[in-house]
N, C-alpha and C. Protein backbone atom coordinates (compact mmCIF):
# COMPACT_ATOMS: atom_id res chain seq x y z
N MET A 1 54.17 -16.58 119.06
CA MET A 1 55.38 -16.68 118.26
C MET A 1 56.40 -15.66 118.76
N ARG A 2 57.59 -16.09 118.87
CA ARG A 2 58.66 -15.22 119.34
C ARG A 2 58.86 -14.01 118.43
N ASN A 3 58.87 -14.23 117.15
CA ASN A 3 59.15 -13.14 116.21
C ASN A 3 57.89 -12.51 115.62
N HIS A 4 56.75 -13.12 115.84
CA HIS A 4 55.47 -12.59 115.37
C HIS A 4 54.49 -12.60 116.54
N PRO A 5 54.69 -11.74 117.53
CA PRO A 5 53.86 -11.82 118.73
C PRO A 5 52.38 -11.55 118.47
N ARG A 6 52.04 -10.85 117.41
CA ARG A 6 50.64 -10.53 117.13
C ARG A 6 50.11 -11.30 115.93
N MET A 7 50.83 -12.33 115.50
CA MET A 7 50.40 -13.10 114.34
C MET A 7 49.10 -13.84 114.65
N LYS A 8 48.16 -13.75 113.72
CA LYS A 8 46.91 -14.50 113.79
C LYS A 8 46.90 -15.49 112.65
N ILE A 9 46.43 -16.68 112.93
CA ILE A 9 46.22 -17.67 111.87
C ILE A 9 44.75 -18.03 111.91
N GLU A 10 44.10 -17.80 110.77
CA GLU A 10 42.65 -17.99 110.71
C GLU A 10 42.26 -18.75 109.45
N PRO A 11 41.22 -19.60 109.58
CA PRO A 11 40.66 -20.18 108.36
C PRO A 11 39.88 -19.09 107.63
N ILE A 12 39.90 -19.15 106.33
CA ILE A 12 39.10 -18.19 105.58
C ILE A 12 38.16 -18.93 104.64
N GLU A 13 36.99 -18.37 104.49
CA GLU A 13 35.98 -18.97 103.61
C GLU A 13 35.85 -18.19 102.31
N SER A 14 36.20 -16.91 102.37
CA SER A 14 36.15 -16.08 101.17
C SER A 14 37.49 -15.38 100.99
N LEU A 15 37.99 -15.45 99.78
CA LEU A 15 39.27 -14.81 99.47
C LEU A 15 39.14 -13.34 99.14
N LYS A 16 37.92 -12.88 98.89
CA LYS A 16 37.72 -11.52 98.40
C LYS A 16 38.46 -10.44 99.21
N PRO A 17 38.36 -10.44 100.55
CA PRO A 17 39.06 -9.38 101.27
C PRO A 17 40.59 -9.50 101.22
N HIS A 18 41.07 -10.68 100.88
CA HIS A 18 42.52 -10.93 100.89
C HIS A 18 43.12 -11.04 99.48
N LEU A 19 42.28 -10.95 98.46
CA LEU A 19 42.73 -11.26 97.11
C LEU A 19 43.96 -10.49 96.64
N PRO A 20 44.02 -9.17 96.78
CA PRO A 20 45.24 -8.48 96.32
C PRO A 20 46.51 -8.98 97.05
N ALA A 21 46.41 -9.19 98.35
CA ALA A 21 47.57 -9.65 99.11
C ALA A 21 47.95 -11.08 98.73
N LEU A 22 46.95 -11.92 98.48
CA LEU A 22 47.24 -13.30 98.09
C LEU A 22 47.86 -13.38 96.70
N GLN A 23 47.39 -12.54 95.79
CA GLN A 23 47.99 -12.50 94.46
C GLN A 23 49.45 -12.08 94.56
N LYS A 24 49.72 -11.06 95.35
CA LYS A 24 51.11 -10.61 95.53
C LYS A 24 51.95 -11.70 96.17
N LEU A 25 51.41 -12.37 97.19
CA LEU A 25 52.14 -13.45 97.85
C LEU A 25 52.48 -14.55 96.87
N LEU A 26 51.54 -14.95 96.05
CA LEU A 26 51.79 -16.00 95.05
C LEU A 26 52.86 -15.57 94.05
N ILE A 27 52.72 -14.38 93.52
CA ILE A 27 53.70 -13.87 92.54
C ILE A 27 55.08 -13.78 93.16
N ASP A 28 55.17 -13.26 94.38
CA ASP A 28 56.48 -13.12 95.06
C ASP A 28 57.09 -14.48 95.39
N THR A 29 56.26 -15.42 95.81
CA THR A 29 56.75 -16.75 96.17
C THR A 29 57.30 -17.47 94.94
N VAL A 30 56.59 -17.36 93.84
CA VAL A 30 57.05 -17.97 92.59
C VAL A 30 58.33 -17.28 92.11
N ALA A 31 58.37 -15.97 92.20
CA ALA A 31 59.57 -15.22 91.79
C ALA A 31 60.79 -15.60 92.62
N ASP A 32 60.55 -15.99 93.87
CA ASP A 32 61.63 -16.38 94.78
C ASP A 32 62.07 -17.83 94.55
N GLY A 33 61.44 -18.52 93.59
CA GLY A 33 61.90 -19.85 93.22
C GLY A 33 61.12 -21.02 93.79
N ALA A 34 60.04 -20.76 94.51
CA ALA A 34 59.27 -21.86 95.09
C ALA A 34 58.65 -22.71 93.98
N SER A 35 58.69 -24.01 94.19
CA SER A 35 58.10 -24.94 93.24
C SER A 35 56.67 -25.25 93.68
N ILE A 36 55.76 -24.38 93.29
CA ILE A 36 54.36 -24.55 93.68
C ILE A 36 53.44 -24.58 92.46
N GLY A 37 53.99 -25.05 91.34
CA GLY A 37 53.17 -25.27 90.16
C GLY A 37 53.23 -24.20 89.09
N PHE A 38 54.00 -23.14 89.33
CA PHE A 38 54.05 -22.03 88.38
C PHE A 38 55.50 -21.69 88.04
N HIS A 39 55.68 -20.98 86.95
CA HIS A 39 56.99 -20.46 86.56
C HIS A 39 57.00 -18.95 86.67
N ALA A 40 58.16 -18.41 87.03
CA ALA A 40 58.35 -16.96 87.08
C ALA A 40 58.74 -16.47 85.70
N PRO A 41 58.35 -15.28 85.35
CA PRO A 41 57.47 -14.39 86.11
C PRO A 41 56.02 -14.82 85.94
N LEU A 42 55.28 -14.80 87.03
CA LEU A 42 53.87 -15.19 87.03
C LEU A 42 53.02 -13.96 86.75
N PRO A 43 52.31 -13.94 85.62
CA PRO A 43 51.45 -12.79 85.32
C PRO A 43 50.33 -12.64 86.35
N GLU A 44 49.96 -11.39 86.63
CA GLU A 44 48.89 -11.12 87.60
C GLU A 44 47.59 -11.82 87.24
N GLU A 45 47.26 -11.89 85.95
CA GLU A 45 46.00 -12.53 85.57
C GLU A 45 46.04 -14.03 85.85
N ASP A 46 47.20 -14.67 85.75
CA ASP A 46 47.31 -16.09 86.09
C ASP A 46 47.18 -16.29 87.60
N ALA A 47 47.77 -15.40 88.37
CA ALA A 47 47.63 -15.47 89.83
C ALA A 47 46.18 -15.29 90.23
N ALA A 48 45.50 -14.34 89.61
CA ALA A 48 44.08 -14.10 89.91
C ALA A 48 43.24 -15.32 89.54
N ALA A 49 43.50 -15.92 88.39
CA ALA A 49 42.75 -17.10 87.96
C ALA A 49 42.96 -18.26 88.94
N TYR A 50 44.19 -18.41 89.42
CA TYR A 50 44.47 -19.47 90.39
C TYR A 50 43.62 -19.27 91.65
N TRP A 51 43.63 -18.05 92.20
CA TRP A 51 42.89 -17.80 93.43
C TRP A 51 41.39 -17.94 93.24
N HIS A 52 40.89 -17.61 92.06
CA HIS A 52 39.46 -17.79 91.80
C HIS A 52 39.10 -19.28 91.80
N ALA A 53 40.00 -20.13 91.29
CA ALA A 53 39.77 -21.58 91.33
C ALA A 53 39.78 -22.08 92.79
N VAL A 54 40.68 -21.55 93.60
CA VAL A 54 40.72 -21.91 95.02
C VAL A 54 39.42 -21.49 95.69
N GLU A 55 38.94 -20.31 95.36
CA GLU A 55 37.69 -19.82 95.94
C GLU A 55 36.54 -20.80 95.70
N ARG A 56 36.49 -21.37 94.50
CA ARG A 56 35.44 -22.35 94.20
C ARG A 56 35.59 -23.61 95.06
N GLN A 57 36.83 -24.03 95.29
CA GLN A 57 37.06 -25.22 96.13
C GLN A 57 36.72 -24.95 97.59
N LEU A 58 36.98 -23.75 98.05
CA LEU A 58 36.58 -23.39 99.42
C LEU A 58 35.06 -23.42 99.53
N ALA A 59 34.40 -22.91 98.51
CA ALA A 59 32.93 -22.86 98.53
C ALA A 59 32.30 -24.25 98.51
N ASP A 60 32.90 -25.18 97.77
CA ASP A 60 32.30 -26.52 97.70
C ASP A 60 32.75 -27.44 98.83
N GLY A 61 33.62 -26.94 99.71
CA GLY A 61 34.03 -27.70 100.88
C GLY A 61 35.13 -28.71 100.65
N SER A 62 35.72 -28.72 99.46
CA SER A 62 36.78 -29.69 99.17
C SER A 62 38.16 -29.18 99.60
N LYS A 63 38.22 -27.95 100.05
CA LYS A 63 39.50 -27.37 100.46
C LYS A 63 39.30 -26.48 101.67
N LEU A 64 40.30 -26.48 102.55
CA LEU A 64 40.40 -25.54 103.66
C LEU A 64 41.62 -24.68 103.41
N MET A 65 41.59 -23.45 103.90
CA MET A 65 42.72 -22.56 103.73
C MET A 65 42.91 -21.73 104.98
N LEU A 66 44.15 -21.61 105.38
CA LEU A 66 44.51 -20.78 106.52
C LEU A 66 45.37 -19.62 106.05
N VAL A 67 45.19 -18.47 106.68
CA VAL A 67 46.01 -17.30 106.38
C VAL A 67 46.62 -16.80 107.68
N ALA A 68 47.92 -16.58 107.64
CA ALA A 68 48.63 -15.96 108.77
C ALA A 68 48.76 -14.48 108.46
N SER A 69 48.41 -13.65 109.45
CA SER A 69 48.52 -12.21 109.25
C SER A 69 48.97 -11.55 110.54
N GLU A 70 49.48 -10.35 110.38
CA GLU A 70 49.89 -9.54 111.52
C GLU A 70 49.56 -8.09 111.19
N SER A 71 48.77 -7.48 112.02
CA SER A 71 48.35 -6.09 111.81
C SER A 71 47.77 -5.87 110.42
N GLY A 72 46.99 -6.85 109.94
CA GLY A 72 46.34 -6.74 108.65
C GLY A 72 47.19 -7.11 107.46
N THR A 73 48.46 -7.44 107.67
CA THR A 73 49.35 -7.82 106.57
C THR A 73 49.42 -9.34 106.47
N VAL A 74 49.19 -9.87 105.27
CA VAL A 74 49.26 -11.31 105.06
C VAL A 74 50.73 -11.73 105.10
N LEU A 75 51.03 -12.68 106.01
CA LEU A 75 52.38 -13.21 106.15
C LEU A 75 52.56 -14.51 105.39
N GLY A 76 51.47 -15.27 105.29
CA GLY A 76 51.58 -16.56 104.62
C GLY A 76 50.25 -17.27 104.57
N THR A 77 50.24 -18.40 103.91
CA THR A 77 49.03 -19.19 103.75
C THR A 77 49.40 -20.64 103.48
N VAL A 78 48.44 -21.51 103.73
CA VAL A 78 48.57 -22.93 103.40
C VAL A 78 47.17 -23.48 103.16
N GLN A 79 47.10 -24.51 102.33
CA GLN A 79 45.82 -25.10 101.97
C GLN A 79 45.80 -26.59 102.30
N LEU A 80 44.60 -27.10 102.52
CA LEU A 80 44.39 -28.51 102.78
C LEU A 80 43.31 -29.01 101.84
N ALA A 81 43.69 -29.87 100.88
CA ALA A 81 42.71 -30.46 99.96
C ALA A 81 42.16 -31.72 100.61
N LEU A 82 40.88 -31.70 100.91
CA LEU A 82 40.23 -32.82 101.57
C LEU A 82 39.82 -33.88 100.56
N GLU A 83 40.26 -35.09 100.77
CA GLU A 83 39.82 -36.18 99.90
C GLU A 83 38.34 -36.42 100.21
N MET A 84 37.52 -36.41 99.18
CA MET A 84 36.07 -36.50 99.38
C MET A 84 35.50 -37.88 99.03
N ARG A 85 36.30 -38.72 98.38
CA ARG A 85 35.79 -40.05 98.03
C ARG A 85 35.70 -40.92 99.29
N PRO A 86 34.73 -41.81 99.33
CA PRO A 86 34.48 -42.59 100.55
C PRO A 86 35.69 -43.34 101.09
N ASN A 87 36.56 -43.84 100.24
CA ASN A 87 37.68 -44.63 100.74
C ASN A 87 38.86 -43.78 101.20
N GLY A 88 38.73 -42.45 101.10
CA GLY A 88 39.85 -41.59 101.46
C GLY A 88 39.48 -40.45 102.39
N ARG A 89 38.34 -40.53 103.02
CA ARG A 89 37.91 -39.41 103.86
C ARG A 89 38.71 -39.26 105.14
N HIS A 90 39.68 -40.11 105.34
CA HIS A 90 40.58 -39.99 106.50
C HIS A 90 41.85 -39.22 106.15
N ARG A 91 42.01 -38.84 104.89
CA ARG A 91 43.26 -38.20 104.48
C ARG A 91 43.01 -36.87 103.77
N ALA A 92 44.10 -36.10 103.69
CA ALA A 92 44.06 -34.81 102.99
C ALA A 92 45.46 -34.50 102.49
N GLU A 93 45.53 -33.60 101.53
CA GLU A 93 46.82 -33.20 100.96
C GLU A 93 47.14 -31.76 101.33
N VAL A 94 48.31 -31.56 101.90
CA VAL A 94 48.81 -30.23 102.20
C VAL A 94 49.25 -29.61 100.88
N GLN A 95 48.80 -28.38 100.63
CA GLN A 95 49.13 -27.72 99.36
C GLN A 95 49.51 -26.26 99.58
N LYS A 96 50.40 -25.80 98.75
CA LYS A 96 50.73 -24.38 98.59
C LYS A 96 51.06 -23.65 99.89
N LEU A 97 52.00 -24.19 100.66
CA LEU A 97 52.52 -23.45 101.80
C LEU A 97 53.34 -22.30 101.25
N MET A 98 52.93 -21.08 101.55
CA MET A 98 53.62 -19.88 101.07
C MET A 98 53.83 -18.92 102.23
N VAL A 99 55.04 -18.40 102.33
CA VAL A 99 55.36 -17.40 103.34
C VAL A 99 56.01 -16.22 102.64
N ALA A 100 55.53 -15.02 102.95
CA ALA A 100 56.09 -13.80 102.36
C ALA A 100 57.58 -13.72 102.68
N PRO A 101 58.39 -13.26 101.74
CA PRO A 101 59.83 -13.18 101.97
C PRO A 101 60.20 -12.48 103.28
N ALA A 102 59.51 -11.42 103.65
CA ALA A 102 59.83 -10.67 104.87
C ALA A 102 59.47 -11.46 106.14
N ALA A 103 58.63 -12.48 106.02
CA ALA A 103 58.19 -13.25 107.19
C ALA A 103 58.93 -14.58 107.33
N ARG A 104 59.86 -14.86 106.44
CA ARG A 104 60.57 -16.14 106.48
C ARG A 104 61.60 -16.17 107.59
N GLY A 105 61.81 -17.37 108.11
CA GLY A 105 62.80 -17.55 109.17
C GLY A 105 62.32 -17.09 110.53
N LYS A 106 61.03 -16.84 110.67
CA LYS A 106 60.48 -16.32 111.92
C LYS A 106 59.41 -17.24 112.50
N GLY A 107 59.31 -18.45 111.98
CA GLY A 107 58.35 -19.40 112.52
C GLY A 107 56.98 -19.37 111.87
N THR A 108 56.81 -18.60 110.83
CA THR A 108 55.50 -18.49 110.18
C THR A 108 55.07 -19.82 109.57
N ALA A 109 55.96 -20.47 108.82
CA ALA A 109 55.61 -21.74 108.18
C ALA A 109 55.30 -22.80 109.23
N LYS A 110 56.09 -22.86 110.27
CA LYS A 110 55.87 -23.84 111.35
C LYS A 110 54.50 -23.60 112.00
N ALA A 111 54.17 -22.35 112.27
CA ALA A 111 52.89 -22.02 112.89
C ALA A 111 51.72 -22.35 111.95
N LEU A 112 51.88 -22.06 110.67
CA LEU A 112 50.83 -22.39 109.70
C LEU A 112 50.61 -23.90 109.64
N MET A 113 51.70 -24.66 109.62
CA MET A 113 51.57 -26.11 109.55
C MET A 113 50.94 -26.69 110.81
N ALA A 114 51.28 -26.16 111.97
CA ALA A 114 50.67 -26.63 113.22
C ALA A 114 49.16 -26.36 113.20
N ALA A 115 48.78 -25.17 112.76
CA ALA A 115 47.36 -24.83 112.68
C ALA A 115 46.65 -25.69 111.64
N LEU A 116 47.32 -25.97 110.53
CA LEU A 116 46.73 -26.81 109.49
C LEU A 116 46.52 -28.23 109.99
N GLU A 117 47.48 -28.76 110.73
CA GLU A 117 47.33 -30.10 111.28
C GLU A 117 46.15 -30.16 112.24
N GLN A 118 45.97 -29.12 113.03
CA GLN A 118 44.83 -29.08 113.94
C GLN A 118 43.52 -29.02 113.15
N ALA A 119 43.49 -28.21 112.11
CA ALA A 119 42.29 -28.11 111.28
C ALA A 119 41.99 -29.45 110.61
N ALA A 120 43.04 -30.14 110.16
CA ALA A 120 42.85 -31.46 109.54
C ALA A 120 42.28 -32.44 110.56
N HIS A 121 42.84 -32.42 111.75
CA HIS A 121 42.34 -33.29 112.82
C HIS A 121 40.87 -32.98 113.12
N ASP A 122 40.56 -31.71 113.23
CA ASP A 122 39.18 -31.29 113.49
C ASP A 122 38.22 -31.73 112.39
N ALA A 123 38.75 -31.86 111.16
CA ALA A 123 37.94 -32.29 110.02
C ALA A 123 37.91 -33.82 109.89
N GLY A 124 38.46 -34.51 110.90
CA GLY A 124 38.44 -35.97 110.90
C GLY A 124 39.50 -36.62 110.04
N ARG A 125 40.53 -35.87 109.70
CA ARG A 125 41.61 -36.41 108.86
C ARG A 125 42.74 -36.90 109.76
N THR A 126 43.22 -38.10 109.48
CA THR A 126 44.28 -38.68 110.30
C THR A 126 45.57 -38.91 109.53
N LEU A 127 45.55 -38.68 108.23
CA LEU A 127 46.73 -38.86 107.39
C LEU A 127 46.87 -37.66 106.47
N LEU A 128 48.04 -37.03 106.52
CA LEU A 128 48.34 -35.92 105.61
C LEU A 128 49.45 -36.35 104.66
N VAL A 129 49.33 -35.93 103.41
CA VAL A 129 50.37 -36.17 102.41
C VAL A 129 50.72 -34.85 101.76
N LEU A 130 51.92 -34.78 101.21
CA LEU A 130 52.35 -33.59 100.48
C LEU A 130 53.53 -33.94 99.61
N ASP A 131 53.85 -33.04 98.71
CA ASP A 131 55.08 -33.20 97.92
C ASP A 131 55.78 -31.86 97.81
N THR A 132 57.08 -31.94 97.62
CA THR A 132 57.89 -30.73 97.44
C THR A 132 59.10 -31.08 96.59
N ARG A 133 59.61 -30.09 95.90
CA ARG A 133 60.78 -30.31 95.06
C ARG A 133 61.97 -30.71 95.92
N ARG A 134 62.67 -31.73 95.50
CA ARG A 134 63.83 -32.23 96.24
C ARG A 134 64.88 -31.12 96.37
N GLY A 135 65.32 -30.92 97.60
CA GLY A 135 66.35 -29.93 97.85
C GLY A 135 65.83 -28.55 98.21
N ASP A 136 64.51 -28.32 98.06
CA ASP A 136 63.94 -27.03 98.45
C ASP A 136 64.04 -26.84 99.96
N ILE A 137 63.94 -25.61 100.39
CA ILE A 137 63.95 -25.33 101.83
C ILE A 137 62.82 -26.07 102.53
N ALA A 138 61.70 -26.24 101.86
CA ALA A 138 60.56 -26.94 102.46
C ALA A 138 60.86 -28.41 102.70
N ASP A 139 61.75 -28.96 101.91
CA ASP A 139 62.14 -30.36 102.05
C ASP A 139 62.60 -30.64 103.49
N GLY A 140 63.49 -29.83 104.00
CA GLY A 140 63.97 -29.98 105.38
C GLY A 140 62.93 -29.59 106.41
N LEU A 141 62.12 -28.59 106.09
CA LEU A 141 61.08 -28.14 107.01
C LEU A 141 60.13 -29.28 107.35
N TYR A 142 59.66 -29.99 106.35
CA TYR A 142 58.68 -31.04 106.59
C TYR A 142 59.27 -32.15 107.45
N GLU A 143 60.52 -32.49 107.24
CA GLU A 143 61.16 -33.50 108.09
C GLU A 143 61.24 -33.01 109.54
N ARG A 144 61.59 -31.74 109.73
CA ARG A 144 61.65 -31.19 111.09
C ARG A 144 60.28 -31.17 111.77
N LEU A 145 59.23 -31.12 110.98
CA LEU A 145 57.87 -31.09 111.52
C LEU A 145 57.29 -32.49 111.72
N GLY A 146 58.11 -33.51 111.52
CA GLY A 146 57.68 -34.88 111.79
C GLY A 146 57.08 -35.62 110.62
N TYR A 147 57.20 -35.08 109.42
CA TYR A 147 56.72 -35.78 108.24
C TYR A 147 57.75 -36.83 107.83
N THR A 148 57.27 -37.94 107.31
CA THR A 148 58.13 -39.04 106.87
C THR A 148 58.24 -39.00 105.36
N ARG A 149 59.46 -39.08 104.88
CA ARG A 149 59.69 -39.11 103.43
C ARG A 149 59.31 -40.51 102.93
N ALA A 150 58.30 -40.57 102.09
CA ALA A 150 57.84 -41.85 101.55
C ALA A 150 58.65 -42.26 100.34
N GLY A 151 59.20 -41.29 99.63
CA GLY A 151 59.98 -41.61 98.45
C GLY A 151 60.24 -40.40 97.60
N ILE A 152 60.93 -40.65 96.52
CA ILE A 152 61.30 -39.60 95.57
C ILE A 152 60.84 -40.03 94.19
N ILE A 153 60.21 -39.11 93.49
CA ILE A 153 59.83 -39.35 92.10
C ILE A 153 60.82 -38.57 91.24
N PRO A 154 61.65 -39.27 90.46
CA PRO A 154 62.63 -38.57 89.64
C PRO A 154 61.98 -37.81 88.48
N ASP A 155 62.61 -36.70 88.13
CA ASP A 155 62.23 -35.94 86.94
C ASP A 155 60.76 -35.53 86.93
N TYR A 156 60.25 -35.08 88.06
CA TYR A 156 58.83 -34.77 88.21
C TYR A 156 58.48 -33.33 87.87
N VAL A 157 59.41 -32.42 88.13
CA VAL A 157 59.14 -30.99 88.01
C VAL A 157 60.08 -30.37 86.98
N ILE A 158 59.54 -29.47 86.16
CA ILE A 158 60.38 -28.70 85.24
C ILE A 158 60.41 -27.28 85.76
N ASP A 159 61.61 -26.80 86.10
CA ASP A 159 61.70 -25.45 86.65
C ASP A 159 61.69 -24.39 85.56
N THR A 160 61.72 -23.14 85.97
CA THR A 160 61.63 -22.02 85.02
C THR A 160 62.70 -22.09 83.95
N GLY A 161 63.88 -22.59 84.31
CA GLY A 161 64.98 -22.69 83.35
C GLY A 161 64.93 -23.93 82.49
N GLY A 162 63.89 -24.76 82.64
CA GLY A 162 63.76 -25.96 81.84
C GLY A 162 64.46 -27.18 82.43
N VAL A 163 65.01 -27.04 83.63
CA VAL A 163 65.71 -28.15 84.28
C VAL A 163 64.68 -29.06 84.95
N VAL A 164 64.81 -30.34 84.71
CA VAL A 164 63.91 -31.33 85.30
C VAL A 164 64.50 -31.76 86.64
N THR A 165 63.67 -31.72 87.69
CA THR A 165 64.13 -32.08 89.03
C THR A 165 63.17 -33.09 89.68
N ASP A 166 63.65 -33.66 90.76
CA ASP A 166 62.88 -34.67 91.50
C ASP A 166 61.91 -34.01 92.47
N THR A 167 60.91 -34.77 92.88
CA THR A 167 60.02 -34.34 93.94
C THR A 167 60.03 -35.38 95.05
N CYS A 168 59.84 -34.92 96.26
CA CYS A 168 59.78 -35.80 97.44
C CYS A 168 58.34 -35.89 97.91
N ILE A 169 57.92 -37.09 98.25
CA ILE A 169 56.58 -37.33 98.79
C ILE A 169 56.73 -37.56 100.29
N PHE A 170 55.92 -36.87 101.06
CA PHE A 170 55.93 -36.99 102.52
C PHE A 170 54.54 -37.34 103.02
N TYR A 171 54.51 -37.93 104.22
CA TYR A 171 53.24 -38.17 104.88
C TYR A 171 53.42 -38.00 106.39
N LYS A 172 52.30 -37.82 107.06
CA LYS A 172 52.30 -37.73 108.52
C LYS A 172 50.97 -38.25 109.04
N HIS A 173 51.04 -39.15 110.02
CA HIS A 173 49.85 -39.61 110.72
C HIS A 173 49.57 -38.65 111.86
N LEU A 174 48.36 -38.19 111.96
CA LEU A 174 47.97 -37.30 113.05
C LEU A 174 47.41 -38.13 114.20
N LYS A 175 47.63 -37.66 115.39
CA LYS A 175 47.15 -38.40 116.57
C LYS A 175 45.80 -37.91 116.99
C-alpha cells in the first residue's frame, strides 16, 4: 500500500488479543456516522457484547474476519458471514467494513475488501452480497470495487436522529 507500507491484513480466529482496539474501532466508527447497525453514542458494554457474539460466530465457522494493522495498531476490519445452508454455500455476506478515522482515505478499505474477496474465494464462495445506507461513503466505494447495485430498499434504516433512510443492496460474482 502506498500510504500503509507496513500494513498487514490477517484473518483472526480469536478476538481476545484485539478486543480493546476492536471495541474502540466500533465505537469510533459509529460515532463518525457509519450505518453498521448501531446508534451513537455506543456504550462500551454494547460494543463488548457485539464482539463477543462475533467471537462465537468465528468459533462455529459461520463467519470469517480480517483485521488490518500496522505496527500493532488496528486500522480496520471486515467480516464475511458464510451461508451454511446447502442451497447457499456458494455465497457469503460482507459485513461491518470499518476503518479507523486516522486510516481513512489511504486505501485501507480497498485492501481489506481485496483480501476479503480472496478469503471468500478460498472458502469456495463465488457470490458476495452486502448492503449499505444510500449515500454513505461506502456506497461509492463498493461500486468502484466492481460491486453491482441490485436495488434500493426504501426506509430501511433509522439513523441516530430518527430519520428513516434507504439502503442499497450490492452483489459481486467472484472469478
